[in-house]
C-alpha cells in the first residue's frame, strides 16, 4: 500500500467521515513498510509534530482493523503489530522471529480446512526465521 486511498475508501464505504486525525493516521500507516506498532506511529507523529495523540492513533488503528484494511498480528513477544491488507483478500502471515519482517502468504486451502473445523473465522500466523536472519551470525 503506497497511498492512503485504500484506507480513505474503506472509511467512505463504511459511512465514516474522513476526519483530519484519521487522514493523518492513514498517511502514517502508508509511510511505513512492513509491519509496525502503534508505538511506531505515535513516535512518527511526535517527530513530525502532527498533533495526533496516542488515543487517536489507537482508535484509528482499531477502526482500520475493523474495516479490514489493516490486520493486527500478535507477535511472539506478546506485542501487537499491524500490516496493511487488501479487504476480501484472504491470506496468512509469516513473521520473522529475528527481524520482525512480515510476509503475506496465500491461503492455499488452509482456510477451508480450518473453516470446516472451527466455523467462519480464523487467523493463522506462522513464526520462524527469514532467509536473511538464517544467514546472520548468532548474537
Foldseek 3Di string as FASTA:
>chain_A
DQDLVVVVVLCVVVPHDCDPLLNLLSNLQNVDPFKAALVVSQVVCVVVVVPDHSVSNVVSVVVSVVSVQKPWDQDPVRGIIIDGDDPPQDWAWEAEPPPGGIDTDHPVCVQVVVCVVPNDDDYDYHYYHDPVRVPDDDD
